[in-house]
């Protein structure tokens, strides 16, 4: 079935958490908007000037989910390093 082919294609290109988000974006587009907002905030902090809402709206679900997890993992590792330095 086409759904299985789509899943297999996305599975090859995505981390499991990103894949789950992509599937959720298809079912609930408002979840994508929440991820776009998070990406925009984190991109501004990091100085990435092209990751603005207008560009993210044009991006694929794959790109948005992968960007979300890029920033999420980066933030978690920075928090872990800060915690280790303080401890």
N, C-alpha and C. Protein backbone atom coordinates (compact mmCIF):
# COMPACT_ATOMS: atom_id res chain seq x y z
N UNK A 1 0.83 -1.21 0.00
CA UNK A 1 0.00 0.00 0.00
C UNK A 1 0.86 1.26 0.00
N UNK A 2 0.33 2.36 -0.50
CA UNK A 2 1.11 3.61 -0.58
C UNK A 2 1.60 4.11 0.78
N UNK A 3 0.80 3.89 1.82
CA UNK A 3 1.21 4.33 3.16
C UNK A 3 2.48 3.61 3.61
N UNK A 4 2.56 2.35 3.30
CA UNK A 4 3.73 1.56 3.68
C UNK A 4 4.97 2.04 2.92
N UNK A 5 4.79 2.35 1.64
CA UNK A 5 5.91 2.85 0.84
C UNK A 5 6.40 4.19 1.38
N UNK A 6 5.47 5.08 1.73
CA UNK A 6 5.84 6.37 2.30
C UNK A 6 6.60 6.17 3.61
N UNK A 7 6.09 5.30 4.46
CA UNK A 7 6.74 5.01 5.73
C UNK A 7 8.17 4.49 5.52
N UNK A 8 8.32 3.55 4.62
CA UNK A 8 9.65 2.97 4.37
C UNK A 8 10.61 4.03 3.84
N UNK A 9 10.13 4.92 2.99
CA UNK A 9 10.95 6.00 2.45
C UNK A 9 11.39 6.95 3.57
N UNK A 10 10.46 7.37 4.41
CA UNK A 10 10.79 8.28 5.50
C UNK A 10 11.71 7.61 6.52
N UNK A 11 11.50 6.34 6.77
CA UNK A 11 12.29 5.60 7.74
C UNK A 11 13.77 5.60 7.38
N UNK A 12 14.08 5.55 6.09
CA UNK A 12 15.47 5.54 5.64
C UNK A 12 16.16 6.88 5.86
N UNK A 13 15.38 7.97 5.92
CA UNK A 13 15.95 9.31 5.98
C UNK A 13 15.88 9.95 7.36
N UNK A 14 15.31 9.26 8.34
CA UNK A 14 14.98 9.92 9.59
C UNK A 14 15.39 9.12 10.82
N UNK A 15 15.68 9.83 11.87
CA UNK A 15 15.82 9.26 13.20
C UNK A 15 14.42 8.85 13.66
N UNK A 16 14.31 7.89 14.54
CA UNK A 16 12.99 7.39 14.94
C UNK A 16 12.09 8.47 15.54
N UNK A 17 12.65 9.37 16.34
CA UNK A 17 11.84 10.45 16.92
C UNK A 17 11.36 11.41 15.84
N UNK A 18 12.22 11.69 14.88
CA UNK A 18 11.86 12.56 13.77
C UNK A 18 10.78 11.91 12.91
N UNK A 19 10.91 10.63 12.69
CA UNK A 19 9.92 9.90 11.90
C UNK A 19 8.55 9.97 12.57
N UNK A 20 8.51 9.77 13.86
CA UNK A 20 7.25 9.87 14.60
C UNK A 20 6.65 11.25 14.43
N UNK A 21 7.46 12.30 14.56
CA UNK A 21 6.96 13.66 14.39
C UNK A 21 6.40 13.88 12.99
N UNK A 22 7.09 13.39 11.98
CA UNK A 22 6.60 13.56 10.60
C UNK A 22 5.23 12.93 10.43
N UNK A 23 5.05 11.76 10.98
CA UNK A 23 3.75 11.09 10.88
C UNK A 23 2.69 11.87 11.65
N UNK A 24 3.06 12.44 12.80
CA UNK A 24 2.11 13.25 13.56
C UNK A 24 1.76 14.53 12.82
N UNK A 25 2.72 15.14 12.13
CA UNK A 25 2.45 16.35 11.35
C UNK A 25 1.39 16.09 10.30
N UNK A 26 1.41 14.90 9.72
CA UNK A 26 0.42 14.56 8.70
C UNK A 26 -0.98 14.49 9.30
N UNK A 27 -1.06 14.03 10.54
CA UNK A 27 -2.36 13.87 11.20
C UNK A 27 -2.83 15.15 11.88
N UNK A 28 -1.89 15.89 12.47
CA UNK A 28 -2.23 17.10 13.22
C UNK A 28 -1.28 18.23 12.83
N UNK A 29 -1.64 19.00 11.81
CA UNK A 29 -0.75 20.08 11.34
C UNK A 29 -0.39 21.11 12.42
N UNK A 30 -1.23 21.26 13.44
CA UNK A 30 -0.91 22.23 14.49
C UNK A 30 0.36 21.83 15.25
N UNK A 31 0.66 20.55 15.29
CA UNK A 31 1.91 20.10 15.92
C UNK A 31 3.12 20.58 15.13
N UNK A 32 2.98 20.63 13.83
CA UNK A 32 4.06 21.14 12.99
C UNK A 32 4.31 22.62 13.31
N UNK A 33 3.25 23.38 13.48
CA UNK A 33 3.40 24.80 13.79
C UNK A 33 4.14 25.01 15.12
N UNK A 34 3.87 24.14 16.09
CA UNK A 34 4.59 24.22 17.36
C UNK A 34 6.08 23.96 17.15
N UNK A 35 6.40 22.99 16.32
CA UNK A 35 7.81 22.69 16.04
C UNK A 35 8.46 23.84 15.27
N UNK A 36 7.72 24.42 14.32
CA UNK A 36 8.25 25.57 13.58
C UNK A 36 8.57 26.72 14.52
N UNK A 37 7.71 26.95 15.49
CA UNK A 37 7.93 28.02 16.47
C UNK A 37 9.20 27.76 17.29
N UNK A 38 9.37 26.54 17.74
CA UNK A 38 10.56 26.17 18.50
C UNK A 38 11.82 26.35 17.66
N UNK A 39 11.77 25.91 16.41
CA UNK A 39 12.92 26.05 15.51
C UNK A 39 13.26 27.52 15.31
N UNK A 40 12.24 28.34 15.08
CA UNK A 40 12.45 29.78 14.87
C UNK A 40 13.14 30.40 16.08
N UNK A 41 12.67 30.07 17.28
CA UNK A 41 13.27 30.61 18.50
C UNK A 41 14.73 30.18 18.64
N UNK A 42 14.98 28.91 18.46
CA UNK A 42 16.34 28.39 18.62
C UNK A 42 17.27 28.89 17.52
N UNK A 43 16.75 29.02 16.32
CA UNK A 43 17.56 29.53 15.21
C UNK A 43 17.97 30.97 15.46
N UNK A 44 17.07 31.77 16.01
CA UNK A 44 17.39 33.16 16.31
C UNK A 44 18.50 33.23 17.36
N UNK A 45 18.41 32.39 18.37
CA UNK A 45 19.44 32.35 19.42
C UNK A 45 20.79 31.95 18.82
N UNK A 46 20.76 31.00 17.88
CA UNK A 46 21.99 30.50 17.26
C UNK A 46 22.50 31.40 16.14
N UNK A 47 21.69 32.38 15.73
CA UNK A 47 22.11 33.29 14.67
C UNK A 47 21.87 32.79 13.26
N UNK A 48 20.99 31.79 13.10
CA UNK A 48 20.64 31.28 11.77
C UNK A 48 19.53 32.15 11.20
N UNK A 49 19.87 33.04 10.31
CA UNK A 49 18.92 34.04 9.82
C UNK A 49 17.91 33.52 8.80
N UNK A 50 18.16 32.37 8.20
CA UNK A 50 17.24 31.88 7.17
C UNK A 50 16.13 30.98 7.72
N UNK A 51 16.26 30.55 8.97
CA UNK A 51 15.23 29.67 9.55
C UNK A 51 14.13 30.53 10.18
N UNK A 52 13.41 31.22 9.33
CA UNK A 52 12.31 32.09 9.74
C UNK A 52 10.99 31.43 9.36
N UNK A 53 9.88 31.87 9.98
CA UNK A 53 8.59 31.22 9.71
C UNK A 53 8.24 31.08 8.23
N UNK A 54 8.49 32.11 7.44
CA UNK A 54 8.14 32.04 6.01
C UNK A 54 8.88 30.90 5.31
N UNK A 55 10.14 30.70 5.64
CA UNK A 55 10.90 29.61 5.02
C UNK A 55 10.50 28.25 5.58
N UNK A 56 10.23 28.18 6.87
CA UNK A 56 9.85 26.90 7.47
C UNK A 56 8.50 26.42 6.94
N UNK A 57 7.60 27.35 6.62
CA UNK A 57 6.30 26.97 6.08
C UNK A 57 6.45 26.29 4.72
N UNK A 58 7.50 26.63 4.00
CA UNK A 58 7.75 26.04 2.69
C UNK A 58 8.49 24.70 2.79
N UNK A 59 9.07 24.42 3.94
CA UNK A 59 9.88 23.22 4.12
C UNK A 59 9.01 21.98 4.25
N UNK A 60 9.59 20.85 3.91
CA UNK A 60 8.88 19.57 4.03
C UNK A 60 8.73 19.17 5.50
N UNK A 61 7.81 18.26 5.76
CA UNK A 61 7.68 17.71 7.12
C UNK A 61 8.99 17.08 7.56
N UNK A 62 9.68 16.42 6.63
CA UNK A 62 10.97 15.81 6.92
C UNK A 62 11.96 16.85 7.43
N UNK A 63 12.06 17.97 6.72
CA UNK A 63 13.01 19.02 7.11
C UNK A 63 12.65 19.62 8.46
N UNK A 64 11.37 19.90 8.68
CA UNK A 64 10.95 20.51 9.94
C UNK A 64 11.21 19.56 11.11
N UNK A 65 10.85 18.31 10.96
CA UNK A 65 11.07 17.34 12.04
C UNK A 65 12.56 17.16 12.33
N UNK A 66 13.38 17.08 11.30
CA UNK A 66 14.82 16.91 11.51
C UNK A 66 15.44 18.16 12.13
N UNK A 67 15.00 19.34 11.71
CA UNK A 67 15.49 20.57 12.33
C UNK A 67 15.09 20.65 13.80
N UNK A 68 13.86 20.28 14.09
CA UNK A 68 13.39 20.28 15.47
C UNK A 68 14.31 19.41 16.33
N UNK A 69 14.58 18.21 15.87
CA UNK A 69 15.41 17.30 16.66
C UNK A 69 16.87 17.73 16.68
N UNK A 70 17.34 18.40 15.64
CA UNK A 70 18.70 18.95 15.65
C UNK A 70 18.84 19.92 16.83
N UNK A 71 17.89 20.86 16.93
CA UNK A 71 17.95 21.85 18.00
C UNK A 71 17.68 21.22 19.37
N UNK A 72 16.76 20.29 19.45
CA UNK A 72 16.41 19.65 20.72
C UNK A 72 17.61 18.90 21.29
N UNK A 73 18.27 18.11 20.46
CA UNK A 73 19.44 17.36 20.91
C UNK A 73 20.58 18.30 21.28
N UNK A 74 20.77 19.33 20.48
CA UNK A 74 21.82 20.31 20.76
C UNK A 74 21.57 20.99 22.11
N UNK A 75 20.32 21.39 22.35
CA UNK A 75 19.99 22.05 23.61
C UNK A 75 20.19 21.12 24.80
N UNK A 76 19.78 19.87 24.65
CA UNK A 76 19.94 18.91 25.75
C UNK A 76 21.41 18.67 26.05
N UNK A 77 22.25 18.59 25.02
CA UNK A 77 23.68 18.36 25.27
C UNK A 77 24.32 19.60 25.90
N UNK A 78 23.90 20.80 25.52
CA UNK A 78 24.42 22.02 26.14
C UNK A 78 24.01 22.09 27.61
N UNK A 79 22.76 21.73 27.90
CA UNK A 79 22.30 21.73 29.29
C UNK A 79 23.09 20.72 30.12
N UNK A 80 23.39 19.57 29.55
CA UNK A 80 24.15 18.54 30.26
C UNK A 80 25.56 19.05 30.56
N UNK A 81 26.20 19.71 29.60
CA UNK A 81 27.55 20.24 29.81
C UNK A 81 27.52 21.32 30.88
N UNK A 82 26.53 22.22 30.83
CA UNK A 82 26.42 23.27 31.84
C UNK A 82 26.22 22.67 33.23
N UNK A 83 25.41 21.64 33.31
CA UNK A 83 25.15 20.98 34.59
C UNK A 83 26.43 20.34 35.13
N UNK A 84 27.22 19.72 34.26
CA UNK A 84 28.46 19.07 34.67
C UNK A 84 29.49 20.10 35.13
N UNK A 85 29.52 21.26 34.50
CA UNK A 85 30.47 22.31 34.88
C UNK A 85 30.11 22.86 36.26
N UNK A 86 28.82 23.03 36.52
CA UNK A 86 28.36 23.55 37.81
C UNK A 86 28.60 22.54 38.92
N UNK A 87 28.41 21.27 38.62
CA UNK A 87 28.53 20.22 39.65
C UNK A 87 29.93 19.95 40.03
